[in-house]
Each structure stands twice: as C-alpha cells, then as structure tokens.
N, C-alpha and C. Protein backbone atom coordinates (compact mmCIF):
# COMPACT_ATOMS: atom_id res chain seq x y z
N ASP A 1 0.83 -1.18 0.00
CA ASP A 1 0.00 0.00 0.00
C ASP A 1 0.87 1.24 0.00
N LEU A 2 0.30 2.35 -0.40
CA LEU A 2 1.03 3.60 -0.61
C LEU A 2 1.73 4.09 0.64
N GLU A 3 1.06 4.02 1.77
CA GLU A 3 1.67 4.47 3.03
C GLU A 3 2.91 3.64 3.37
N GLU A 4 2.83 2.34 3.17
CA GLU A 4 3.96 1.45 3.44
C GLU A 4 5.12 1.76 2.48
N MET A 5 4.81 2.01 1.22
CA MET A 5 5.86 2.35 0.26
C MET A 5 6.54 3.67 0.63
N ASN A 6 5.77 4.65 1.06
CA ASN A 6 6.36 5.93 1.49
C ASN A 6 7.28 5.73 2.69
N ARG A 7 6.88 4.88 3.61
CA ARG A 7 7.70 4.60 4.79
C ARG A 7 9.01 3.92 4.36
N LEU A 8 8.91 2.95 3.46
CA LEU A 8 10.11 2.26 2.97
C LEU A 8 11.05 3.22 2.22
N ILE A 9 10.49 4.09 1.42
CA ILE A 9 11.31 5.07 0.71
C ILE A 9 12.01 5.98 1.69
N GLY A 10 11.29 6.43 2.71
CA GLY A 10 11.89 7.27 3.75
C GLY A 10 13.02 6.57 4.47
N GLU A 11 12.83 5.31 4.78
CA GLU A 11 13.88 4.54 5.44
C GLU A 11 15.08 4.33 4.52
N PHE A 12 14.81 4.11 3.23
CA PHE A 12 15.91 3.95 2.30
C PHE A 12 16.71 5.24 2.16
N ILE A 13 16.03 6.37 2.14
CA ILE A 13 16.73 7.66 2.09
C ILE A 13 17.58 7.82 3.34
N ASP A 14 17.04 7.45 4.51
CA ASP A 14 17.84 7.47 5.75
C ASP A 14 19.08 6.61 5.60
N PHE A 15 18.91 5.43 5.01
CA PHE A 15 20.04 4.52 4.82
C PHE A 15 21.09 5.16 3.92
N SER A 16 20.66 5.77 2.83
CA SER A 16 21.62 6.35 1.89
C SER A 16 22.32 7.57 2.47
N ARG A 17 21.70 8.24 3.43
CA ARG A 17 22.31 9.39 4.08
C ARG A 17 23.08 9.00 5.33
N GLY A 18 23.10 7.72 5.63
CA GLY A 18 23.63 7.25 6.90
C GLY A 18 25.05 7.63 7.23
N LEU A 19 25.87 7.89 6.23
CA LEU A 19 27.28 8.21 6.51
C LEU A 19 27.51 9.68 6.83
N GLU A 20 26.47 10.50 6.72
CA GLU A 20 26.64 11.90 7.06
C GLU A 20 26.84 12.01 8.57
N ASN A 21 27.91 12.68 8.94
CA ASN A 21 28.17 12.87 10.37
C ASN A 21 27.54 14.16 10.84
N ASP A 22 26.95 14.11 12.02
CA ASP A 22 26.44 15.34 12.60
C ASP A 22 27.55 15.97 13.44
N ALA A 23 27.44 17.25 13.67
CA ALA A 23 28.48 17.98 14.40
C ALA A 23 28.62 17.42 15.81
N PRO A 24 29.85 17.18 16.25
CA PRO A 24 30.06 16.67 17.61
C PRO A 24 29.55 17.66 18.66
N GLN A 25 28.93 17.09 19.69
CA GLN A 25 28.42 17.87 20.82
C GLN A 25 28.91 17.23 22.10
N THR A 26 29.10 18.04 23.13
CA THR A 26 29.46 17.50 24.43
C THR A 26 28.17 17.23 25.19
N ILE A 27 27.96 15.96 25.53
CA ILE A 27 26.71 15.58 26.20
C ILE A 27 26.99 14.62 27.35
N ASP A 28 26.04 14.56 28.27
CA ASP A 28 26.08 13.60 29.36
C ASP A 28 25.30 12.37 28.91
N LEU A 29 26.00 11.29 28.68
CA LEU A 29 25.37 10.07 28.18
C LEU A 29 24.40 9.47 29.20
N SER A 30 24.63 9.70 30.47
CA SER A 30 23.70 9.22 31.50
C SER A 30 22.35 9.90 31.35
N ARG A 31 22.38 11.18 31.04
CA ARG A 31 21.14 11.92 30.81
C ARG A 31 20.43 11.40 29.56
N LEU A 32 21.21 11.12 28.52
CA LEU A 32 20.63 10.56 27.29
C LEU A 32 19.95 9.22 27.57
N LEU A 33 20.61 8.37 28.34
CA LEU A 33 20.02 7.07 28.70
C LEU A 33 18.69 7.27 29.42
N HIS A 34 18.67 8.22 30.34
CA HIS A 34 17.44 8.53 31.08
C HIS A 34 16.34 8.99 30.12
N GLU A 35 16.67 9.86 29.17
CA GLU A 35 15.69 10.36 28.20
C GLU A 35 15.13 9.22 27.33
N LEU A 36 16.01 8.35 26.86
CA LEU A 36 15.57 7.22 26.05
C LEU A 36 14.64 6.31 26.83
N ALA A 37 14.98 6.03 28.08
CA ALA A 37 14.14 5.18 28.93
C ALA A 37 12.79 5.84 29.16
N HIS A 38 12.80 7.14 29.43
CA HIS A 38 11.56 7.87 29.67
C HIS A 38 10.66 7.85 28.44
N ASP A 39 11.25 8.12 27.26
CA ASP A 39 10.47 8.12 26.02
C ASP A 39 9.88 6.75 25.72
N ALA A 40 10.66 5.69 25.92
CA ALA A 40 10.17 4.33 25.65
C ALA A 40 9.06 3.96 26.63
N THR A 41 9.21 4.36 27.89
CA THR A 41 8.18 4.08 28.90
C THR A 41 6.89 4.82 28.55
N ALA A 42 7.02 6.07 28.12
CA ALA A 42 5.84 6.84 27.72
C ALA A 42 5.14 6.19 26.53
N GLY A 43 5.90 5.47 25.71
CA GLY A 43 5.33 4.76 24.56
C GLY A 43 4.79 3.38 24.90
N GLY A 44 4.82 3.02 26.19
CA GLY A 44 4.23 1.76 26.62
C GLY A 44 5.21 0.64 26.91
N ALA A 45 6.50 0.86 26.70
CA ALA A 45 7.48 -0.19 26.97
C ALA A 45 7.75 -0.31 28.47
N ARG A 46 8.14 -1.49 28.86
CA ARG A 46 8.57 -1.72 30.25
C ARG A 46 10.08 -1.67 30.26
N ILE A 47 10.62 -0.61 30.84
CA ILE A 47 12.06 -0.35 30.81
C ILE A 47 12.62 -0.34 32.22
N GLU A 48 13.73 -1.01 32.37
CA GLU A 48 14.51 -0.93 33.61
C GLU A 48 15.86 -0.37 33.21
N TYR A 49 16.33 0.62 33.94
CA TYR A 49 17.65 1.12 33.63
C TYR A 49 18.35 1.46 34.92
N ARG A 50 19.63 1.32 34.86
CA ARG A 50 20.45 1.59 36.02
C ARG A 50 21.02 2.99 35.87
N VAL A 51 20.72 3.82 36.86
CA VAL A 51 21.22 5.19 36.82
C VAL A 51 22.73 5.16 36.93
N ALA A 52 23.36 5.78 35.97
CA ALA A 52 24.82 5.83 35.94
C ALA A 52 25.28 7.21 36.37
N PRO A 53 26.48 7.30 36.93
CA PRO A 53 27.02 8.63 37.22
C PRO A 53 27.22 9.39 35.92
N PRO A 54 27.38 10.70 35.98
CA PRO A 54 27.58 11.46 34.74
C PRO A 54 28.71 10.87 33.91
N CYS A 55 28.48 10.84 32.61
CA CYS A 55 29.45 10.30 31.64
C CYS A 55 29.45 11.26 30.46
N VAL A 56 30.35 12.22 30.48
CA VAL A 56 30.36 13.28 29.48
C VAL A 56 31.32 12.91 28.35
N ARG A 57 30.80 12.98 27.12
CA ARG A 57 31.58 12.68 25.93
C ARG A 57 31.23 13.70 24.85
N THR A 58 32.14 13.90 23.92
CA THR A 58 31.89 14.74 22.76
C THR A 58 31.77 13.83 21.55
N LEU A 59 30.58 13.87 20.93
CA LEU A 59 30.30 12.96 19.82
C LEU A 59 29.11 13.44 19.03
N GLY A 60 28.79 12.71 17.96
CA GLY A 60 27.62 13.02 17.14
C GLY A 60 26.36 12.52 17.81
N LEU A 61 25.60 13.44 18.39
CA LEU A 61 24.41 13.07 19.15
C LEU A 61 23.32 12.46 18.28
N MET A 62 23.10 13.00 17.09
CA MET A 62 22.03 12.46 16.25
C MET A 62 22.31 11.02 15.86
N ALA A 63 23.56 10.71 15.51
CA ALA A 63 23.91 9.33 15.16
C ALA A 63 23.73 8.41 16.35
N LEU A 64 24.22 8.84 17.52
CA LEU A 64 24.09 8.01 18.72
C LEU A 64 22.63 7.79 19.07
N ARG A 65 21.84 8.83 19.04
CA ARG A 65 20.41 8.70 19.37
C ARG A 65 19.71 7.77 18.38
N ARG A 66 20.03 7.88 17.09
CA ARG A 66 19.40 7.02 16.09
C ARG A 66 19.76 5.55 16.32
N ILE A 67 21.03 5.28 16.60
CA ILE A 67 21.46 3.90 16.85
C ILE A 67 20.76 3.33 18.07
N LEU A 68 20.80 4.07 19.18
CA LEU A 68 20.20 3.56 20.42
C LEU A 68 18.69 3.43 20.29
N SER A 69 18.05 4.35 19.60
CA SER A 69 16.60 4.25 19.40
C SER A 69 16.26 3.01 18.59
N ASN A 70 17.09 2.70 17.60
CA ASN A 70 16.86 1.50 16.80
C ASN A 70 17.02 0.24 17.65
N LEU A 71 18.10 0.18 18.43
CA LEU A 71 18.33 -1.00 19.26
C LEU A 71 17.21 -1.17 20.29
N LEU A 72 16.77 -0.06 20.86
CA LEU A 72 15.67 -0.10 21.82
C LEU A 72 14.36 -0.50 21.14
N GLY A 73 14.11 0.03 19.95
CA GLY A 73 12.90 -0.34 19.21
C GLY A 73 12.86 -1.81 18.86
N ASN A 74 14.02 -2.38 18.48
CA ASN A 74 14.08 -3.81 18.20
C ASN A 74 13.81 -4.62 19.45
N ALA A 75 14.36 -4.18 20.58
CA ALA A 75 14.11 -4.89 21.85
C ALA A 75 12.63 -4.85 22.20
N GLN A 76 11.98 -3.73 21.93
CA GLN A 76 10.55 -3.63 22.19
C GLN A 76 9.76 -4.55 21.25
N ARG A 77 10.13 -4.54 19.98
CA ARG A 77 9.40 -5.30 18.97
C ARG A 77 9.55 -6.81 19.18
N TYR A 78 10.75 -7.25 19.54
CA TYR A 78 11.03 -8.68 19.60
C TYR A 78 11.24 -9.22 21.01
N GLY A 79 11.06 -8.37 22.01
CA GLY A 79 11.35 -8.75 23.39
C GLY A 79 10.25 -9.49 24.12
N ALA A 80 9.26 -9.97 23.42
CA ALA A 80 8.20 -10.82 23.99
C ALA A 80 7.47 -10.15 25.15
N GLY A 81 7.40 -8.81 25.13
CA GLY A 81 6.66 -8.10 26.16
C GLY A 81 7.33 -8.07 27.52
N GLN A 82 8.52 -8.60 27.59
CA GLN A 82 9.27 -8.61 28.85
C GLN A 82 9.96 -7.27 29.06
N PRO A 83 10.30 -6.93 30.31
CA PRO A 83 11.02 -5.67 30.54
C PRO A 83 12.35 -5.66 29.79
N ILE A 84 12.71 -4.49 29.34
CA ILE A 84 13.98 -4.26 28.64
C ILE A 84 14.92 -3.56 29.61
N ILE A 85 16.14 -3.99 29.65
CA ILE A 85 17.12 -3.37 30.54
C ILE A 85 18.07 -2.51 29.71
N LEU A 86 18.26 -1.27 30.14
CA LEU A 86 19.23 -0.37 29.53
C LEU A 86 20.36 -0.15 30.52
N GLU A 87 21.57 -0.24 30.03
CA GLU A 87 22.74 -0.03 30.89
C GLU A 87 23.75 0.86 30.18
N LEU A 88 24.53 1.57 30.97
CA LEU A 88 25.63 2.37 30.48
C LEU A 88 26.82 2.16 31.39
N SER A 89 27.94 1.78 30.82
CA SER A 89 29.18 1.73 31.60
C SER A 89 30.15 2.72 30.95
N CYS A 90 30.83 3.44 31.79
CA CYS A 90 31.64 4.55 31.32
C CYS A 90 32.98 4.54 32.05
N SER A 91 34.04 4.43 31.26
CA SER A 91 35.39 4.49 31.84
C SER A 91 36.31 5.17 30.84
N ALA A 92 37.53 5.42 31.25
CA ALA A 92 38.50 6.03 30.33
C ALA A 92 38.79 5.11 29.15
N GLU A 93 38.68 3.79 29.35
CA GLU A 93 39.00 2.82 28.30
C GLU A 93 37.88 2.61 27.30
N ASN A 94 36.62 2.68 27.77
CA ASN A 94 35.50 2.38 26.88
C ASN A 94 34.21 2.92 27.46
N THR A 95 33.30 3.26 26.57
CA THR A 95 31.94 3.67 26.93
C THR A 95 31.02 2.69 26.22
N VAL A 96 30.17 2.01 27.00
CA VAL A 96 29.35 0.94 26.43
C VAL A 96 27.90 1.10 26.85
N PHE A 97 27.01 1.08 25.85
CA PHE A 97 25.57 0.99 26.08
C PHE A 97 25.16 -0.45 25.85
N ARG A 98 24.24 -0.94 26.69
CA ARG A 98 23.68 -2.28 26.50
C ARG A 98 22.16 -2.19 26.53
N VAL A 99 21.52 -2.86 25.58
CA VAL A 99 20.07 -2.98 25.52
C VAL A 99 19.79 -4.47 25.59
N LEU A 100 19.16 -4.91 26.67
CA LEU A 100 18.96 -6.35 26.91
C LEU A 100 17.48 -6.69 26.88
N ASP A 101 17.13 -7.70 26.08
CA ASP A 101 15.75 -8.15 26.02
C ASP A 101 15.67 -9.64 26.32
N ARG A 102 14.46 -10.13 26.45
CA ARG A 102 14.21 -11.56 26.71
C ARG A 102 13.38 -12.18 25.59
N GLY A 103 13.58 -11.71 24.38
CA GLY A 103 12.88 -12.27 23.23
C GLY A 103 13.49 -13.60 22.81
N PRO A 104 13.18 -14.06 21.59
CA PRO A 104 13.66 -15.35 21.12
C PRO A 104 15.16 -15.37 20.81
N GLY A 105 15.77 -14.20 20.72
CA GLY A 105 17.19 -14.15 20.38
C GLY A 105 17.40 -14.25 18.88
N ILE A 106 18.66 -14.17 18.49
CA ILE A 106 19.03 -14.24 17.07
C ILE A 106 19.93 -15.45 16.90
N PRO A 107 19.56 -16.37 16.00
CA PRO A 107 20.44 -17.53 15.78
C PRO A 107 21.85 -17.06 15.39
N ALA A 108 22.85 -17.72 15.91
CA ALA A 108 24.25 -17.33 15.67
C ALA A 108 24.56 -17.17 14.19
N GLU A 109 24.01 -18.05 13.35
CA GLU A 109 24.30 -18.00 11.92
C GLU A 109 23.61 -16.82 11.22
N GLU A 110 22.71 -16.12 11.92
CA GLU A 110 21.97 -14.99 11.32
C GLU A 110 22.48 -13.62 11.79
N VAL A 111 23.33 -13.59 12.81
CA VAL A 111 23.73 -12.31 13.40
C VAL A 111 24.32 -11.36 12.36
N GLU A 112 25.20 -11.84 11.52
CA GLU A 112 25.80 -10.98 10.51
C GLU A 112 24.76 -10.53 9.48
N ASN A 113 23.85 -11.40 9.13
CA ASN A 113 22.84 -11.10 8.11
C ASN A 113 21.90 -9.98 8.51
N VAL A 114 21.55 -9.87 9.80
CA VAL A 114 20.57 -8.86 10.20
C VAL A 114 21.08 -7.44 10.02
N PHE A 115 22.37 -7.27 9.77
CA PHE A 115 22.93 -5.95 9.50
C PHE A 115 22.89 -5.59 8.01
N HIS A 116 22.42 -6.51 7.16
CA HIS A 116 22.31 -6.24 5.72
C HIS A 116 20.99 -5.52 5.44
N PRO A 117 21.00 -4.55 4.52
CA PRO A 117 19.77 -3.82 4.20
C PRO A 117 18.65 -4.76 3.74
N PHE A 118 17.46 -4.51 4.26
CA PHE A 118 16.22 -5.21 3.93
C PHE A 118 16.17 -6.66 4.40
N TYR A 119 17.16 -7.10 5.17
CA TYR A 119 17.15 -8.48 5.67
C TYR A 119 16.34 -8.53 6.96
N ARG A 120 15.45 -9.50 7.04
CA ARG A 120 14.65 -9.71 8.25
C ARG A 120 14.62 -11.19 8.58
N LEU A 121 14.68 -11.49 9.87
CA LEU A 121 14.53 -12.89 10.29
C LEU A 121 13.10 -13.35 10.05
N GLU A 122 12.15 -12.48 10.32
CA GLU A 122 10.74 -12.78 10.13
C GLU A 122 10.44 -12.47 8.67
N THR A 123 10.12 -13.46 7.88
CA THR A 123 10.08 -13.32 6.43
C THR A 123 8.73 -12.92 5.84
N SER A 124 7.70 -12.73 6.66
CA SER A 124 6.39 -12.43 6.08
C SER A 124 6.32 -11.04 5.48
N ARG A 125 7.25 -10.16 5.86
CA ARG A 125 7.28 -8.75 5.43
C ARG A 125 6.12 -7.95 5.98
N SER A 126 5.39 -8.49 6.93
CA SER A 126 4.29 -7.76 7.54
C SER A 126 4.82 -6.69 8.48
N ALA A 127 4.28 -5.48 8.37
CA ALA A 127 4.68 -4.39 9.26
C ALA A 127 4.30 -4.71 10.71
N ALA A 128 3.30 -5.57 10.88
CA ALA A 128 2.86 -5.91 12.23
C ALA A 128 3.89 -6.79 12.95
N THR A 129 4.72 -7.50 12.20
CA THR A 129 5.67 -8.42 12.84
C THR A 129 7.11 -7.97 12.69
N GLY A 130 7.33 -6.82 12.11
CA GLY A 130 8.70 -6.34 11.97
C GLY A 130 8.77 -5.11 11.09
N GLY A 131 9.95 -4.56 10.97
CA GLY A 131 10.15 -3.37 10.16
C GLY A 131 10.54 -3.72 8.75
N SER A 132 11.25 -2.80 8.12
CA SER A 132 11.62 -2.98 6.72
C SER A 132 12.94 -3.72 6.56
N GLY A 133 13.67 -3.90 7.64
CA GLY A 133 14.98 -4.52 7.55
C GLY A 133 16.09 -3.52 7.30
N LEU A 134 15.82 -2.25 7.52
CA LEU A 134 16.84 -1.23 7.33
C LEU A 134 17.42 -0.70 8.64
N GLY A 135 16.73 -0.87 9.74
CA GLY A 135 17.15 -0.28 11.00
C GLY A 135 18.55 -0.65 11.44
N LEU A 136 18.86 -1.92 11.45
CA LEU A 136 20.20 -2.35 11.88
C LEU A 136 21.26 -2.00 10.84
N ALA A 137 20.89 -1.99 9.55
CA ALA A 137 21.84 -1.59 8.52
C ALA A 137 22.23 -0.12 8.71
N ILE A 138 21.25 0.72 8.98
CA ILE A 138 21.51 2.14 9.23
C ILE A 138 22.34 2.29 10.50
N ALA A 139 21.97 1.58 11.55
CA ALA A 139 22.72 1.66 12.81
C ALA A 139 24.17 1.25 12.61
N GLN A 140 24.40 0.17 11.88
CA GLN A 140 25.75 -0.31 11.62
C GLN A 140 26.55 0.72 10.82
N GLN A 141 25.92 1.29 9.83
CA GLN A 141 26.58 2.29 8.98
C GLN A 141 26.97 3.51 9.82
N LEU A 142 26.08 3.98 10.67
CA LEU A 142 26.38 5.13 11.53
C LEU A 142 27.49 4.80 12.53
N ALA A 143 27.42 3.60 13.10
CA ALA A 143 28.47 3.19 14.05
C ALA A 143 29.82 3.15 13.34
N ASP A 144 29.89 2.54 12.17
CA ASP A 144 31.14 2.45 11.43
C ASP A 144 31.69 3.85 11.12
N ALA A 145 30.81 4.75 10.70
CA ALA A 145 31.24 6.11 10.34
C ALA A 145 31.82 6.86 11.53
N ASN A 146 31.41 6.48 12.75
CA ASN A 146 31.87 7.16 13.96
C ASN A 146 32.95 6.39 14.71
N GLY A 147 33.36 5.24 14.15
CA GLY A 147 34.38 4.44 14.82
C GLY A 147 33.86 3.67 16.03
N TRP A 148 32.54 3.41 16.05
CA TRP A 148 31.91 2.67 17.14
C TRP A 148 31.68 1.23 16.70
N LYS A 149 31.29 0.40 17.64
CA LYS A 149 31.09 -1.02 17.33
C LYS A 149 29.75 -1.49 17.90
N ILE A 150 28.95 -2.14 17.06
CA ILE A 150 27.68 -2.75 17.49
C ILE A 150 27.85 -4.25 17.48
N GLU A 151 27.39 -4.89 18.55
CA GLU A 151 27.38 -6.35 18.62
C GLU A 151 26.00 -6.80 19.07
N LEU A 152 25.54 -7.91 18.54
CA LEU A 152 24.32 -8.57 18.97
C LEU A 152 24.73 -9.92 19.54
N LEU A 153 24.55 -10.07 20.84
CA LEU A 153 25.05 -11.25 21.54
C LEU A 153 23.91 -12.02 22.18
N PRO A 154 24.04 -13.34 22.26
CA PRO A 154 23.02 -14.11 22.99
C PRO A 154 23.09 -13.77 24.47
N ARG A 155 21.94 -13.70 25.08
CA ARG A 155 21.86 -13.39 26.51
C ARG A 155 21.61 -14.67 27.29
N GLU A 156 22.38 -14.86 28.34
CA GLU A 156 22.18 -16.04 29.17
C GLU A 156 20.75 -16.04 29.70
N GLY A 157 20.06 -17.15 29.56
CA GLY A 157 18.67 -17.24 29.97
C GLY A 157 17.70 -16.89 28.85
N GLY A 158 18.22 -16.54 27.67
CA GLY A 158 17.38 -16.22 26.52
C GLY A 158 17.33 -14.73 26.24
N GLY A 159 17.22 -14.40 24.98
CA GLY A 159 17.14 -13.01 24.57
C GLY A 159 18.42 -12.54 23.93
N THR A 160 18.49 -11.24 23.74
CA THR A 160 19.62 -10.62 23.04
C THR A 160 20.18 -9.47 23.85
N GLU A 161 21.50 -9.36 23.81
CA GLU A 161 22.18 -8.17 24.31
C GLU A 161 22.68 -7.41 23.10
N ALA A 162 22.14 -6.22 22.88
CA ALA A 162 22.65 -5.33 21.83
C ALA A 162 23.64 -4.40 22.53
N ARG A 163 24.88 -4.44 22.08
CA ARG A 163 25.96 -3.70 22.74
C ARG A 163 26.55 -2.69 21.75
N LEU A 164 26.60 -1.43 22.18
CA LEU A 164 27.22 -0.38 21.39
C LEU A 164 28.42 0.14 22.18
N SER A 165 29.62 -0.05 21.62
CA SER A 165 30.85 0.40 22.26
C SER A 165 31.35 1.64 21.53
N LEU A 166 31.60 2.70 22.29
CA LEU A 166 32.02 3.97 21.71
C LEU A 166 33.52 4.18 21.80
N GLY A 167 34.21 3.36 22.56
CA GLY A 167 35.64 3.55 22.78
C GLY A 167 35.88 4.41 24.01
N GLY A 168 37.10 4.78 24.20
CA GLY A 168 37.47 5.54 25.39
C GLY A 168 37.46 7.03 25.18
N ILE A 169 37.98 7.75 26.13
CA ILE A 169 38.07 9.20 26.06
C ILE A 169 39.19 9.57 25.11
N GLU A 170 38.91 10.48 24.22
CA GLU A 170 39.94 10.91 23.26
C GLU A 170 40.74 12.05 23.83
C-alpha cells in the first residue's frame, strides 16, 4: 500500500544518508540514557535502567540517538513483552551501552545477516511483525562512520544483548 511504500522510501533515504556525520556535541550520556528510557516508557514499553554517574563525551548526538533508538525499538518489537534493561558503563578505556531483552534471540548464523539492508529474520514482510529490515543496517553504517562497534550477543537465559561500544576518552 502507498503508506507502506512511502515509509520504505523514507527509510531507504535514511540509509543512503547514513554516513553523514552530525556535528560533535558535548553531552552527558547518563542523561541521554534517562531520556531514552523515559520516552520508551511513555510509549508503553517496560524499561529498567540503572542510573549511571555522569558520563560526558563529545560525539555526534544524532547518530548516537538514532542507533540507540533503533536497538531499543528492536528490543521492544522482539522482546516478547518482557522488561527491557538499559545499561551504560563509562570508563576512560571504553563507553558501552547495553540494551537487553528476553525475546527469542538471534540464531548465531543470522547475526551478521541482520545488518544487511532489507534483511529480516521474520520473512512475512508484515509491518505488524517487523520493520523494513533497514534499522540495523543504518545503525551499523552510523556506528562504522563514527568508529563505534555494534554487537548482537546471545543473553544467558534467553534473549539478546545489543551492545554499542564507543571507545574511550579521546
């Protein structure tokens, strides 16, 4: 339908623009984590997050927000209605965000594939059961452009840990 095609075109344009870097800003990542948790909770998600001490970094806020929003949206979509845990660890060596869900997880042989444009584990292509398959491709592209690393790891007890590592203090 036309609305779905417009949404797909918009997402494809986002994908093609994905390497554009936004101007670095100095931000408190702990505050960002709080905002993301608040927004997701207002949207009906069950979010648990651990309040972290201030963690100030200078980076592209739009890219970071887009990546984390995508990872959080996937956890909401595939997390089987279970609470989602958001974590931030911050040290001189590395800054790491974790989004943990209790969904079905991602088979090990599919982890690399889910970062390819338009690839979906759920093959019906129904908007009710998943997105267009561009979200993780865009997130990966933005992470690569900023020198960050995204990993999708199996979670002990079931589910997925989506981990975004930003590196240390420059």
